[in-house]
Amino acid sequence: MKNVLLTIPFAFLFFVVILSVLYIFLIRSSPKGEDHPEKYLPYSGGQGLPPVELRLSYQAFFRIGLLFGIMHVSALVISTLPLKSSTIGIGIIYLAGISISAFVLARTDYT
């Protein structure tokens, strides 16, 4: 019986029960008030969000994020290449491929 208390399933259930009781107690004791009209707006650090037509779509955001990742990985790869004359050609070919990828991702038409 002493070892049962130290098992992972028992510890999990114990903490689920403790946190559930704490959650219910805090919900019941929290002050009730009217909903503020800006309560469900996204947090923007205290600044007003730009109009909807100026915001990035998910597709544009994904492309910018992918471009950011490719640029960082390429900078890491190029910076770790040895400085020998035999690897300079490989670096130039790699940079040419990265340049093509960056050009494709940086296009503004998303068709």
PDB file of N, CA and C in Angstrom:
ATOM      1  N   MET A   1       0.812  -1.197   0.000  1.00  0.00           N
ATOM      2  CA  MET A   1       0.000   0.000   0.000  1.00  0.00           C
ATOM      3  C   MET A   1       0.854   1.259   0.000  1.00  0.00           C
ATOM      4  N   LYS A   2       2.020   1.138   0.633  1.00  0.00           N
ATOM      5  CA  LYS A   2       2.890   2.292   0.726  1.00  0.00           C
ATOM      6  C   LYS A   2       3.428   2.686  -0.648  1.00  0.00           C
ATOM      7  N   ASN A   3       3.652   1.736  -1.542  1.00  0.00           N
ATOM      8  CA  ASN A   3       4.188   2.025  -2.869  1.00  0.00           C
ATOM      9  C   ASN A   3       3.117   2.508  -3.846  1.00  0.00           C
ATOM     10  N   VAL A   4       1.868   2.229  -3.553  1.00  0.00           N
ATOM     11  CA  VAL A   4       0.783   2.652  -4.439  1.00  0.00           C
ATOM     12  C   VAL A   4       0.675   4.177  -4.456  1.00  0.00           C
ATOM     13  N   LEU A   5       0.946   4.815  -3.335  1.00  0.00           N
ATOM     14  CA  LEU A   5       0.857   6.265  -3.266  1.00  0.00           C
ATOM     15  C   LEU A   5       1.918   6.954  -4.115  1.00  0.00           C
ATOM     16  N   LEU A   6       2.984   6.262  -4.442  1.00  0.00           N
ATOM     17  CA  LEU A   6       4.067   6.853  -5.214  1.00  0.00           C
ATOM     18  C   LEU A   6       3.982   6.560  -6.709  1.00  0.00           C
ATOM     19  N   THR A   7       2.948   5.885  -7.148  1.00  0.00           N
ATOM     20  CA  THR A   7       2.841   5.575  -8.575  1.00  0.00           C
ATOM     21  C   THR A   7       2.371   6.809  -9.348  1.00  0.00           C
ATOM     22  N   ILE A   8       2.702   6.827 -10.609  1.00  0.00           N
ATOM     23  CA  ILE A   8       2.367   7.973 -11.459  1.00  0.00           C
ATOM     24  C   ILE A   8       0.857   8.132 -11.640  1.00  0.00           C
ATOM     25  N   PRO A   9       0.084   7.076 -11.917  1.00  0.00           N
ATOM     26  CA  PRO A   9      -1.367   7.274 -12.060  1.00  0.00           C
ATOM     27  C   PRO A   9      -2.021   7.828 -10.796  1.00  0.00           C
ATOM     28  N   PHE A  10      -1.594   7.348  -9.634  1.00  0.00           N
ATOM     29  CA  PHE A  10      -2.173   7.860  -8.391  1.00  0.00           C
ATOM     30  C   PHE A  10      -1.803   9.327  -8.179  1.00  0.00           C
ATOM     31  N   ALA A  11      -0.551   9.690  -8.426  1.00  0.00           N
ATOM     32  CA  ALA A  11      -0.127  11.084  -8.282  1.00  0.00           C
ATOM     33  C   ALA A  11      -0.884  11.979  -9.257  1.00  0.00           C
ATOM     34  N   PHE A  12      -1.089  11.498 -10.481  1.00  0.00           N
ATOM     35  CA  PHE A  12      -1.839  12.273 -11.467  1.00  0.00           C
ATOM     36  C   PHE A  12      -3.266  12.519 -10.995  1.00  0.00           C
ATOM     37  N   LEU A  13      -3.929  11.470 -10.560  1.00  0.00           N
ATOM     38  CA  LEU A  13      -5.305  11.618 -10.082  1.00  0.00           C
ATOM     39  C   LEU A  13      -5.375  12.512  -8.845  1.00  0.00           C
ATOM     40  N   PHE A  14      -4.397  12.386  -7.970  1.00  0.00           N
ATOM     41  CA  PHE A  14      -4.356  13.222  -6.773  1.00  0.00           C
ATOM     42  C   PHE A  14      -4.287  14.701  -7.145  1.00  0.00           C
ATOM     43  N   PHE A  15      -3.394  15.048  -8.074  1.00  0.00           N
ATOM     44  CA  PHE A  15      -3.251  16.449  -8.455  1.00  0.00           C
ATOM     45  C   PHE A  15      -4.431  16.947  -9.290  1.00  0.00           C
ATOM     46  N   VAL A  16      -5.052  16.065 -10.055  1.00  0.00           N
ATOM     47  CA  VAL A  16      -6.257  16.469 -10.797  1.00  0.00           C
ATOM     48  C   VAL A  16      -7.372  16.817  -9.818  1.00  0.00           C
ATOM     49  N   VAL A  17      -7.539  16.022  -8.789  1.00  0.00           N
ATOM     50  CA  VAL A  17      -8.577  16.288  -7.787  1.00  0.00           C
ATOM     51  C   VAL A  17      -8.265  17.580  -7.031  1.00  0.00           C
ATOM     52  N   ILE A  18      -7.025  17.766  -6.610  1.00  0.00           N
ATOM     53  CA  ILE A  18      -6.637  18.978  -5.872  1.00  0.00           C
ATOM     54  C   ILE A  18      -6.860  20.222  -6.731  1.00  0.00           C
ATOM     55  N   LEU A  19      -6.430  20.189  -7.972  1.00  0.00           N
ATOM     56  CA  LEU A  19      -6.575  21.350  -8.841  1.00  0.00           C
ATOM     57  C   LEU A  19      -8.031  21.600  -9.225  1.00  0.00           C
ATOM     58  N   SER A  20      -8.817  20.558  -9.366  1.00  0.00           N
ATOM     59  CA  SER A  20     -10.235  20.738  -9.665  1.00  0.00           C
ATOM     60  C   SER A  20     -10.961  21.402  -8.503  1.00  0.00           C
ATOM     61  N   VAL A  21     -10.665  20.973  -7.291  1.00  0.00           N
ATOM     62  CA  VAL A  21     -11.287  21.580  -6.107  1.00  0.00           C
ATOM     63  C   VAL A  21     -10.850  23.036  -5.993  1.00  0.00           C
ATOM     64  N   LEU A  22      -9.581  23.314  -6.212  1.00  0.00           N
ATOM     65  CA  LEU A  22      -9.079  24.684  -6.162  1.00  0.00           C
ATOM     66  C   LEU A  22      -9.720  25.553  -7.241  1.00  0.00           C
ATOM     67  N   TYR A  23      -9.876  25.010  -8.426  1.00  0.00           N
ATOM     68  CA  TYR A  23     -10.504  25.750  -9.533  1.00  0.00           C
ATOM     69  C   TYR A  23     -11.956  26.086  -9.204  1.00  0.00           C
ATOM     70  N   ILE A  24     -12.701  25.121  -8.720  1.00  0.00           N
ATOM     71  CA  ILE A  24     -14.108  25.357  -8.375  1.00  0.00           C
ATOM     72  C   ILE A  24     -14.215  26.392  -7.261  1.00  0.00           C
ATOM     73  N   PHE A  25     -13.347  26.298  -6.245  1.00  0.00           N
ATOM     74  CA  PHE A  25     -13.367  27.268  -5.157  1.00  0.00           C
ATOM     75  C   PHE A  25     -13.055  28.676  -5.664  1.00  0.00           C
ATOM     76  N   LEU A  26     -12.061  28.818  -6.539  1.00  0.00           N
ATOM     77  CA  LEU A  26     -11.684  30.140  -7.036  1.00  0.00           C
ATOM     78  C   LEU A  26     -12.737  30.720  -7.971  1.00  0.00           C
ATOM     79  N   ILE A  27     -13.396  29.882  -8.750  1.00  0.00           N
ATOM     80  CA  ILE A  27     -14.468  30.373  -9.629  1.00  0.00           C
ATOM     81  C   ILE A  27     -15.626  30.907  -8.791  1.00  0.00           C
ATOM     82  N   ARG A  28     -15.979  30.195  -7.733  1.00  0.00           N
ATOM     83  CA  ARG A  28     -17.112  30.628  -6.901  1.00  0.00           C
ATOM     84  C   ARG A  28     -16.786  31.860  -6.076  1.00  0.00           C
ATOM     85  N   SER A  29     -15.523  32.039  -5.715  1.00  0.00           N
ATOM     86  CA  SER A  29     -15.176  33.182  -4.869  1.00  0.00           C
ATOM     87  C   SER A  29     -14.700  34.402  -5.665  1.00  0.00           C
ATOM     88  N   SER A  30     -14.602  34.293  -6.965  1.00  0.00           N
ATOM     89  CA  SER A  30     -14.156  35.437  -7.762  1.00  0.00           C
ATOM     90  C   SER A  30     -15.286  36.455  -7.907  1.00  0.00           C
ATOM     91  N   PRO A  31     -14.941  37.731  -8.029  1.00  0.00           N
ATOM     92  CA  PRO A  31     -15.994  38.749  -8.149  1.00  0.00           C
ATOM     93  C   PRO A  31     -16.692  38.645  -9.496  1.00  0.00           C
ATOM     94  N   LYS A  32     -17.985  38.871  -9.460  1.00  0.00           N
ATOM     95  CA  LYS A  32     -18.776  38.835 -10.687  1.00  0.00           C
ATOM     96  C   LYS A  32     -18.951  40.272 -11.165  1.00  0.00           C
ATOM     97  N   GLY A  33     -18.902  40.470 -12.447  1.00  0.00           N
ATOM     98  CA  GLY A  33     -19.071  41.803 -13.004  1.00  0.00           C
ATOM     99  C   GLY A  33     -19.573  41.708 -14.431  1.00  0.00           C
ATOM    100  N   GLU A  34     -19.828  42.863 -15.000  1.00  0.00           N
ATOM    101  CA  GLU A  34     -20.296  42.902 -16.377  1.00  0.00           C
ATOM    102  C   GLU A  34     -19.127  42.694 -17.328  1.00  0.00           C
ATOM    103  N   ASP A  35     -19.417  42.090 -18.464  1.00  0.00           N
ATOM    104  CA  ASP A  35     -18.387  41.902 -19.473  1.00  0.00           C
ATOM    105  C   ASP A  35     -18.045  43.240 -20.111  1.00  0.00           C
ATOM    106  N   HIS A  36     -16.766  43.469 -20.249  1.00  0.00           N
ATOM    107  CA  HIS A  36     -16.295  44.674 -20.926  1.00  0.00           C
ATOM    108  C   HIS A  36     -16.359  44.420 -22.431  1.00  0.00           C
ATOM    109  N   PRO A  37     -16.716  45.411 -23.255  1.00  0.00           N
ATOM    110  CA  PRO A  37     -16.834  45.157 -24.697  1.00  0.00           C
ATOM    111  C   PRO A  37     -15.509  44.771 -25.360  1.00  0.00           C
ATOM    112  N   GLU A  38     -14.387  45.146 -24.767  1.00  0.00           N
ATOM    113  CA  GLU A  38     -13.089  44.815 -25.370  1.00  0.00           C
ATOM    114  C   GLU A  38     -12.472  43.559 -24.764  1.00  0.00           C
ATOM    115  N   LYS A  39     -13.239  42.839 -23.972  1.00  0.00           N
ATOM    116  CA  LYS A  39     -12.704  41.664 -23.287  1.00  0.00           C
ATOM    117  C   LYS A  39     -12.272  40.570 -24.255  1.00  0.00           C
ATOM    118  N   TYR A  40     -12.983  40.390 -25.333  1.00  0.00           N
ATOM    119  CA  TYR A  40     -12.715  39.284 -26.248  1.00  0.00           C
ATOM    120  C   TYR A  40     -11.889  39.701 -27.461  1.00  0.00           C
ATOM    121  N   LEU A  41     -11.362  40.919 -27.476  1.00  0.00           N
ATOM    122  CA  LEU A  41     -10.484  41.352 -28.559  1.00  0.00           C
ATOM    123  C   LEU A  41      -9.086  40.796 -28.324  1.00  0.00           C
ATOM    124  N   PRO A  42      -8.306  40.592 -29.371  1.00  0.00           N
ATOM    125  CA  PRO A  42      -6.954  40.069 -29.177  1.00  0.00           C
ATOM    126  C   PRO A  42      -6.076  41.085 -28.451  1.00  0.00           C
ATOM    127  N   TYR A  43      -5.151  40.580 -27.645  1.00  0.00           N
ATOM    128  CA  TYR A  43      -4.249  41.458 -26.906  1.00  0.00           C
ATOM    129  C   TYR A  43      -3.214  42.021 -27.867  1.00  0.00           C
ATOM    130  N   SER A  44      -3.038  43.337 -27.828  1.00  0.00           N
ATOM    131  CA  SER A  44      -2.098  43.972 -28.751  1.00  0.00           C
ATOM    132  C   SER A  44      -1.095  44.842 -28.019  1.00  0.00           C
ATOM    133  N   GLY A  45      -0.849  44.583 -26.755  1.00  0.00           N
ATOM    134  CA  GLY A  45       0.143  45.339 -26.012  1.00  0.00           C
ATOM    135  C   GLY A  45      -0.277  46.774 -25.742  1.00  0.00           C
ATOM    136  N   GLY A  46      -1.558  47.046 -25.684  1.00  0.00           N
ATOM    137  CA  GLY A  46      -2.032  48.385 -25.416  1.00  0.00           C
ATOM    138  C   GLY A  46      -2.147  49.264 -26.645  1.00  0.00           C
ATOM    139  N   GLN A  47      -1.783  48.742 -27.802  1.00  0.00           N
ATOM    140  CA  GLN A  47      -1.864  49.530 -29.029  1.00  0.00           C
ATOM    141  C   GLN A  47      -3.102  49.123 -29.811  1.00  0.00           C
ATOM    142  N   GLY A  48      -3.602  50.062 -30.584  1.00  0.00           N
ATOM    143  CA  GLY A  48      -4.733  49.748 -31.444  1.00  0.00           C
ATOM    144  C   GLY A  48      -4.284  48.883 -32.615  1.00  0.00           C
ATOM    145  N   LEU A  49      -5.063  47.872 -32.936  1.00  0.00           N
ATOM    146  CA  LEU A  49      -4.723  47.006 -34.060  1.00  0.00           C
ATOM    147  C   LEU A  49      -4.986  47.730 -35.371  1.00  0.00           C
ATOM    148  N   PRO A  50      -4.202  47.414 -36.405  1.00  0.00           N
ATOM    149  CA  PRO A  50      -4.459  48.041 -37.700  1.00  0.00           C
ATOM    150  C   PRO A  50      -5.792  47.558 -38.276  1.00  0.00           C
ATOM    151  N   PRO A  51      -6.324  48.278 -39.251  1.00  0.00           N
ATOM    152  CA  PRO A  51      -7.578  47.828 -39.867  1.00  0.00           C
ATOM    153  C   PRO A  51      -7.432  46.419 -40.448  1.00  0.00           C
ATOM    154  N   VAL A  52      -8.546  45.763 -40.618  1.00  0.00           N
ATOM    155  CA  VAL A  52      -8.540  44.361 -41.061  1.00  0.00           C
ATOM    156  C   VAL A  52      -7.841  44.200 -42.412  1.00  0.00           C
ATOM    157  N   GLU A  53      -8.003  45.162 -43.315  1.00  0.00           N
ATOM    158  CA  GLU A  53      -7.396  45.008 -44.639  1.00  0.00           C
ATOM    159  C   GLU A  53      -5.876  45.113 -44.598  1.00  0.00           C
ATOM    160  N   LEU A  54      -5.278  45.595 -43.494  1.00  0.00           N
ATOM    161  CA  LEU A  54      -3.830  45.697 -43.388  1.00  0.00           C
ATOM    162  C   LEU A  54      -3.208  44.530 -42.639  1.00  0.00           C
ATOM    163  N   ARG A  55      -4.010  43.678 -42.055  1.00  0.00           N
ATOM    164  CA  ARG A  55      -3.479  42.553 -41.291  1.00  0.00           C
ATOM    165  C   ARG A  55      -3.047  41.439 -42.230  1.00  0.00           C
ATOM    166  N   LEU A  56      -2.072  40.636 -41.761  1.00  0.00           N
ATOM    167  CA  LEU A  56      -1.590  39.511 -42.552  1.00  0.00           C
ATOM    168  C   LEU A  56      -2.584  38.356 -42.504  1.00  0.00           C
ATOM    169  N   SER A  57      -2.739  37.701 -43.630  1.00  0.00           N
ATOM    170  CA  SER A  57      -3.525  36.476 -43.642  1.00  0.00           C
ATOM    171  C   SER A  57      -2.645  35.342 -43.123  1.00  0.00           C
ATOM    172  N   TYR A  58      -3.253  34.199 -42.872  1.00  0.00           N
ATOM    173  CA  TYR A  58      -2.468  33.063 -42.396  1.00  0.00           C
ATOM    174  C   TYR A  58      -1.460  32.620 -43.445  1.00  0.00           C
ATOM    175  N   GLN A  59      -1.837  32.680 -44.703  1.00  0.00           N
ATOM    176  CA  GLN A  59      -0.927  32.273 -45.763  1.00  0.00           C
ATOM    177  C   GLN A  59       0.281  33.202 -45.821  1.00  0.00           C
ATOM    178  N   ALA A  60       0.063  34.506 -45.735  1.00  0.00           N
ATOM    179  CA  ALA A  60       1.174  35.451 -45.762  1.00  0.00           C
ATOM    180  C   ALA A  60       2.040  35.301 -44.519  1.00  0.00           C
ATOM    181  N   PHE A  61       1.413  35.100 -43.367  1.00  0.00           N
ATOM    182  CA  PHE A  61       2.169  34.916 -42.132  1.00  0.00           C
ATOM    183  C   PHE A  61       3.018  33.649 -42.195  1.00  0.00           C
ATOM    184  N   PHE A  62       2.473  32.569 -42.744  1.00  0.00           N
ATOM    185  CA  PHE A  62       3.220  31.324 -42.870  1.00  0.00           C
ATOM    186  C   PHE A  62       4.421  31.504 -43.799  1.00  0.00           C
ATOM    187  N   ARG A  63       4.211  32.213 -44.895  1.00  0.00           N
ATOM    188  CA  ARG A  63       5.318  32.422 -45.838  1.00  0.00           C
ATOM    189  C   ARG A  63       6.421  33.276 -45.221  1.00  0.00           C
ATOM    190  N   ILE A  64       6.056  34.300 -44.469  1.00  0.00           N
ATOM    191  CA  ILE A  64       7.063  35.134 -43.825  1.00  0.00           C
ATOM    192  C   ILE A  64       7.803  34.337 -42.752  1.00  0.00           C
ATOM    193  N   GLY A  65       7.080  33.525 -42.005  1.00  0.00           N
ATOM    194  CA  GLY A  65       7.719  32.681 -40.997  1.00  0.00           C
ATOM    195  C   GLY A  65       8.662  31.663 -41.614  1.00  0.00           C
ATOM    196  N   LEU A  66       8.253  31.070 -42.721  1.00  0.00           N
ATOM    197  CA  LEU A  66       9.109  30.114 -43.409  1.00  0.00           C
ATOM    198  C   LEU A  66      10.352  30.804 -43.976  1.00  0.00           C
ATOM    199  N   LEU A  67      10.178  31.997 -44.509  1.00  0.00           N
ATOM    200  CA  LEU A  67      11.315  32.766 -45.009  1.00  0.00           C
ATOM    201  C   LEU A  67      12.281  33.092 -43.871  1.00  0.00           C
ATOM    202  N   PHE A  68      11.758  33.485 -42.732  1.00  0.00           N
ATOM    203  CA  PHE A  68      12.571  33.778 -41.562  1.00  0.00           C
ATOM    204  C   PHE A  68      13.375  32.543 -41.149  1.00  0.00           C
ATOM    205  N   GLY A  69      12.730  31.391 -41.094  1.00  0.00           N
ATOM    206  CA  GLY A  69      13.424  30.160 -40.717  1.00  0.00           C
ATOM    207  C   GLY A  69      14.489  29.763 -41.714  1.00  0.00           C
ATOM    208  N   ILE A  70      14.190  29.870 -43.005  1.00  0.00           N
ATOM    209  CA  ILE A  70      15.166  29.514 -44.036  1.00  0.00           C
ATOM    210  C   ILE A  70      16.383  30.429 -43.952  1.00  0.00           C
ATOM    211  N   MET A  71      16.163  31.714 -43.727  1.00  0.00           N
ATOM    212  CA  MET A  71      17.288  32.651 -43.632  1.00  0.00           C
ATOM    213  C   MET A  71      18.178  32.336 -42.437  1.00  0.00           C
ATOM    214  N   HIS A  72      17.590  31.977 -41.314  1.00  0.00           N
ATOM    215  CA  HIS A  72      18.398  31.665 -40.146  1.00  0.00           C
ATOM    216  C   HIS A  72      19.177  30.360 -40.323  1.00  0.00           C
ATOM    217  N   VAL A  73      18.544  29.363 -40.895  1.00  0.00           N
ATOM    218  CA  VAL A  73      19.251  28.103 -41.123  1.00  0.00           C
ATOM    219  C   VAL A  73      20.362  28.292 -42.150  1.00  0.00           C
ATOM    220  N   SER A  74      20.097  29.065 -43.189  1.00  0.00           N
ATOM    221  CA  SER A  74      21.144  29.292 -44.192  1.00  0.00           C
ATOM    222  C   SER A  74      22.309  30.082 -43.610  1.00  0.00           C
ATOM    223  N   ALA A  75      22.031  31.050 -42.736  1.00  0.00           N
ATOM    224  CA  ALA A  75      23.125  31.784 -42.085  1.00  0.00           C
ATOM    225  C   ALA A  75      23.948  30.844 -41.211  1.00  0.00           C
ATOM    226  N   LEU A  76      23.296  29.905 -40.534  1.00  0.00           N
ATOM    227  CA  LEU A  76      24.015  28.937 -39.710  1.00  0.00           C
ATOM    228  C   LEU A  76      24.868  28.020 -40.565  1.00  0.00           C
ATOM    229  N   VAL A  77      24.324  27.548 -41.680  1.00  0.00           N
ATOM    230  CA  VAL A  77      25.067  26.634 -42.549  1.00  0.00           C
ATOM    231  C   VAL A  77      26.264  27.341 -43.169  1.00  0.00           C
ATOM    232  N   ILE A  78      26.063  28.548 -43.684  1.00  0.00           N
ATOM    233  CA  ILE A  78      27.156  29.282 -44.320  1.00  0.00           C
ATOM    234  C   ILE A  78      28.238  29.644 -43.305  1.00  0.00           C
ATOM    235  N   SER A  79      27.838  30.005 -42.100  1.00  0.00           N
ATOM    236  CA  SER A  79      28.833  30.395 -41.105  1.00  0.00           C
ATOM    237  C   SER A  79      29.642  29.218 -40.585  1.00  0.00           C
ATOM    238  N   THR A  80      29.145  28.004 -40.744  1.00  0.00           N
ATOM    239  CA  THR A  80      29.891  26.842 -40.270  1.00  0.00           C
ATOM    240  C   THR A  80      30.677  26.133 -41.367  1.00  0.00           C
ATOM    241  N   LEU A  81      30.605  26.633 -42.603  1.00  0.00           N
ATOM    242  CA  LEU A  81      31.415  26.038 -43.665  1.00  0.00           C
ATOM    243  C   LEU A  81      32.886  26.362 -43.430  1.00  0.00           C
ATOM    244  N   PRO A  82      33.765  25.397 -43.663  1.00  0.00           N
ATOM    245  CA  PRO A  82      35.191  25.696 -43.510  1.00  0.00           C
ATOM    246  C   PRO A  82      35.664  26.662 -44.600  1.00  0.00           C
ATOM    247  N   LEU A  83      36.679  27.433 -44.284  1.00  0.00           N
ATOM    248  CA  LEU A  83      37.183  28.444 -45.214  1.00  0.00           C
ATOM    249  C   LEU A  83      38.276  27.865 -46.116  1.00  0.00           C
ATOM    250  N   LYS A  84      37.931  26.863 -46.856  1.00  0.00           N
ATOM    251  CA  LYS A  84      38.856  26.274 -47.824  1.00  0.00           C
ATOM    252  C   LYS A  84      38.358  26.598 -49.215  1.00  0.00           C
ATOM    253  N   SER A  85      39.258  26.578 -50.157  1.00  0.00           N
ATOM    254  CA  SER A  85      38.865  26.917 -51.527  1.00  0.00           C
ATOM    255  C   SER A  85      37.929  25.865 -52.114  1.00  0.00           C
ATOM    256  N   SER A  86      37.944  24.642 -51.614  1.00  0.00           N
ATOM    257  CA  SER A  86      37.074  23.601 -52.162  1.00  0.00           C
ATOM    258  C   SER A  86      35.620  23.758 -51.709  1.00  0.00           C
ATOM    259  N   THR A  87      35.377  24.418 -50.584  1.00  0.00           N
ATOM    260  CA  THR A  87      34.007  24.561 -50.090  1.00  0.00           C
ATOM    261  C   THR A  87      33.367  25.883 -50.508  1.00  0.00           C
ATOM    262  N   ILE A  88      34.107  26.776 -51.094  1.00  0.00           N
ATOM    263  CA  ILE A  88      33.532  28.055 -51.515  1.00  0.00           C
ATOM    264  C   ILE A  88      32.493  27.829 -52.615  1.00  0.00           C
ATOM    265  N   GLY A  89      32.751  26.917 -53.529  1.00  0.00           N
ATOM    266  CA  GLY A  89      31.796  26.603 -54.594  1.00  0.00           C
ATOM    267  C   GLY A  89      30.510  26.024 -54.040  1.00  0.00           C
ATOM    268  N   ILE A  90      30.620  25.168 -53.039  1.00  0.00           N
ATOM    269  CA  ILE A  90      29.428  24.598 -52.409  1.00  0.00           C
ATOM    270  C   ILE A  90      28.616  25.697 -51.736  1.00  0.00           C
ATOM    271  N   GLY A  91      29.293  26.630 -51.085  1.00  0.00           N
ATOM    272  CA  GLY A  91      28.607  27.739 -50.432  1.00  0.00           C
ATOM    273  C   GLY A  91      27.896  28.639 -51.429  1.00  0.00           C
ATOM    274  N   ILE A  92      28.514  28.886 -52.568  1.00  0.00           N
ATOM    275  CA  ILE A  92      27.894  29.724 -53.592  1.00  0.00           C
ATOM    276  C   ILE A  92      26.660  29.040 -54.177  1.00  0.00           C
ATOM    277  N   ILE A  93      26.754  27.747 -54.431  1.00  0.00           N
ATOM    278  CA  ILE A  93      25.600  26.999 -54.943  1.00  0.00           C
ATOM    279  C   ILE A  93      24.469  26.990 -53.905  1.00  0.00           C
ATOM    280  N   TYR A  94      24.832  26.810 -52.646  1.00  0.00           N
ATOM    281  CA  TYR A  94      23.832  26.822 -51.568  1.00  0.00           C
ATOM    282  C   TYR A  94      23.163  28.188 -51.478  1.00  0.00           C
ATOM    283  N   LEU A  95      23.946  29.259 -51.548  1.00  0.00           N
ATOM    284  CA  LEU A  95      23.374  30.599 -51.493  1.00  0.00           C
ATOM    285  C   LEU A  95      22.488  30.891 -52.696  1.00  0.00           C
ATOM    286  N   ALA A  96      22.832  30.344 -53.855  1.00  0.00           N
ATOM    287  CA  ALA A  96      21.980  30.529 -55.034  1.00  0.00           C
ATOM    288  C   ALA A  96      20.624  29.843 -54.812  1.00  0.00           C
ATOM    289  N   GLY A  97      20.632  28.648 -54.263  1.00  0.00           N
ATOM    290  CA  GLY A  97      19.377  27.945 -53.970  1.00  0.00           C
ATOM    291  C   GLY A  97      18.547  28.666 -52.925  1.00  0.00           C
ATOM    292  N   ILE A  98      19.200  29.178 -51.898  1.00  0.00           N
ATOM    293  CA  ILE A  98      18.496  29.935 -50.861  1.00  0.00           C
ATOM    294  C   ILE A  98      17.923  31.222 -51.439  1.00  0.00           C
ATOM    295  N   SER A  99      18.664  31.869 -52.333  1.00  0.00           N
ATOM    296  CA  SER A  99      18.178  33.108 -52.958  1.00  0.00           C
ATOM    297  C   SER A  99      16.913  32.847 -53.767  1.00  0.00           C
ATOM    298  N   ILE A 100      16.878  31.738 -54.487  1.00  0.00           N
ATOM    299  CA  ILE A 100      15.679  31.386 -55.254  1.00  0.00           C
ATOM    300  C   ILE A 100      14.505  31.123 -54.303  1.00  0.00           C
ATOM    301  N   SER A 101      14.770  30.399 -53.221  1.00  0.00           N
ATOM    302  CA  SER A 101      13.711  30.126 -52.242  1.00  0.00           C
ATOM    303  C   SER A 101      13.198  31.418 -51.613  1.00  0.00           C
ATOM    304  N   ALA A 102      14.103  32.315 -51.262  1.00  0.00           N
ATOM    305  CA  ALA A 102      13.699  33.583 -50.657  1.00  0.00           C
ATOM    306  C   ALA A 102      12.905  34.428 -51.642  1.00  0.00           C
ATOM    307  N   PHE A 103      13.300  34.420 -52.905  1.00  0.00           N
ATOM    308  CA  PHE A 103      12.571  35.183 -53.911  1.00  0.00           C
ATOM    309  C   PHE A 103      11.148  34.661 -54.066  1.00  0.00           C
ATOM    310  N   VAL A 104      10.999  33.348 -54.088  1.00  0.00           N
ATOM    311  CA  VAL A 104       9.666  32.750 -54.234  1.00  0.00           C
ATOM    312  C   VAL A 104       8.803  33.056 -53.006  1.00  0.00           C
ATOM    313  N   LEU A 105       9.380  32.975 -51.804  1.00  0.00           N
ATOM    314  CA  LEU A 105       8.594  33.220 -50.599  1.00  0.00           C
ATOM    315  C   LEU A 105       8.286  34.696 -50.386  1.00  0.00           C
ATOM    316  N   ALA A 106       9.114  35.602 -50.906  1.00  0.00           N
ATOM    317  CA  ALA A 106       8.921  37.031 -50.682  1.00  0.00           C
ATOM    318  C   ALA A 106       7.982  37.672 -51.690  1.00  0.00           C
ATOM    319  N   ARG A 107       7.510  36.925 -52.678  1.00  0.00           N
ATOM    320  CA  ARG A 107       6.560  37.496 -53.647  1.00  0.00           C
ATOM    321  C   ARG A 107       5.302  37.951 -52.922  1.00  0.00           C
ATOM    322  N   THR A 108       4.706  39.011 -53.414  1.00  0.00           N
ATOM    323  CA  THR A 108       3.516  39.542 -52.739  1.00  0.00           C
ATOM    324  C   THR A 108       2.216  38.989 -53.287  1.00  0.00           C
ATOM    325  N   ASP A 109       2.211  38.423 -54.478  1.00  0.00           N
ATOM    326  CA  ASP A 109       0.977  37.827 -54.993  1.00  0.00           C
ATOM    327  C   ASP A 109       0.877  36.397 -54.477  1.00  0.00           C
ATOM    328  N   TYR A 110      -0.224  36.084 -53.842  1.00  0.00           N
ATOM    329  CA  TYR A 110      -0.398  34.791 -53.187  1.00  0.00           C
ATOM    330  C   TYR A 110      -1.333  33.895 -53.997  1.00  0.00           C
ATOM    331  N   THR A 111      -1.091  33.807 -55.289  1.00  0.00           N
ATOM    332  CA  THR A 111      -1.935  32.947 -56.127  1.00  0.00           C
ATOM    333  C   THR A 111      -1.238  31.664 -56.429  1.00  0.00           C
TER     334      THR A 111
END
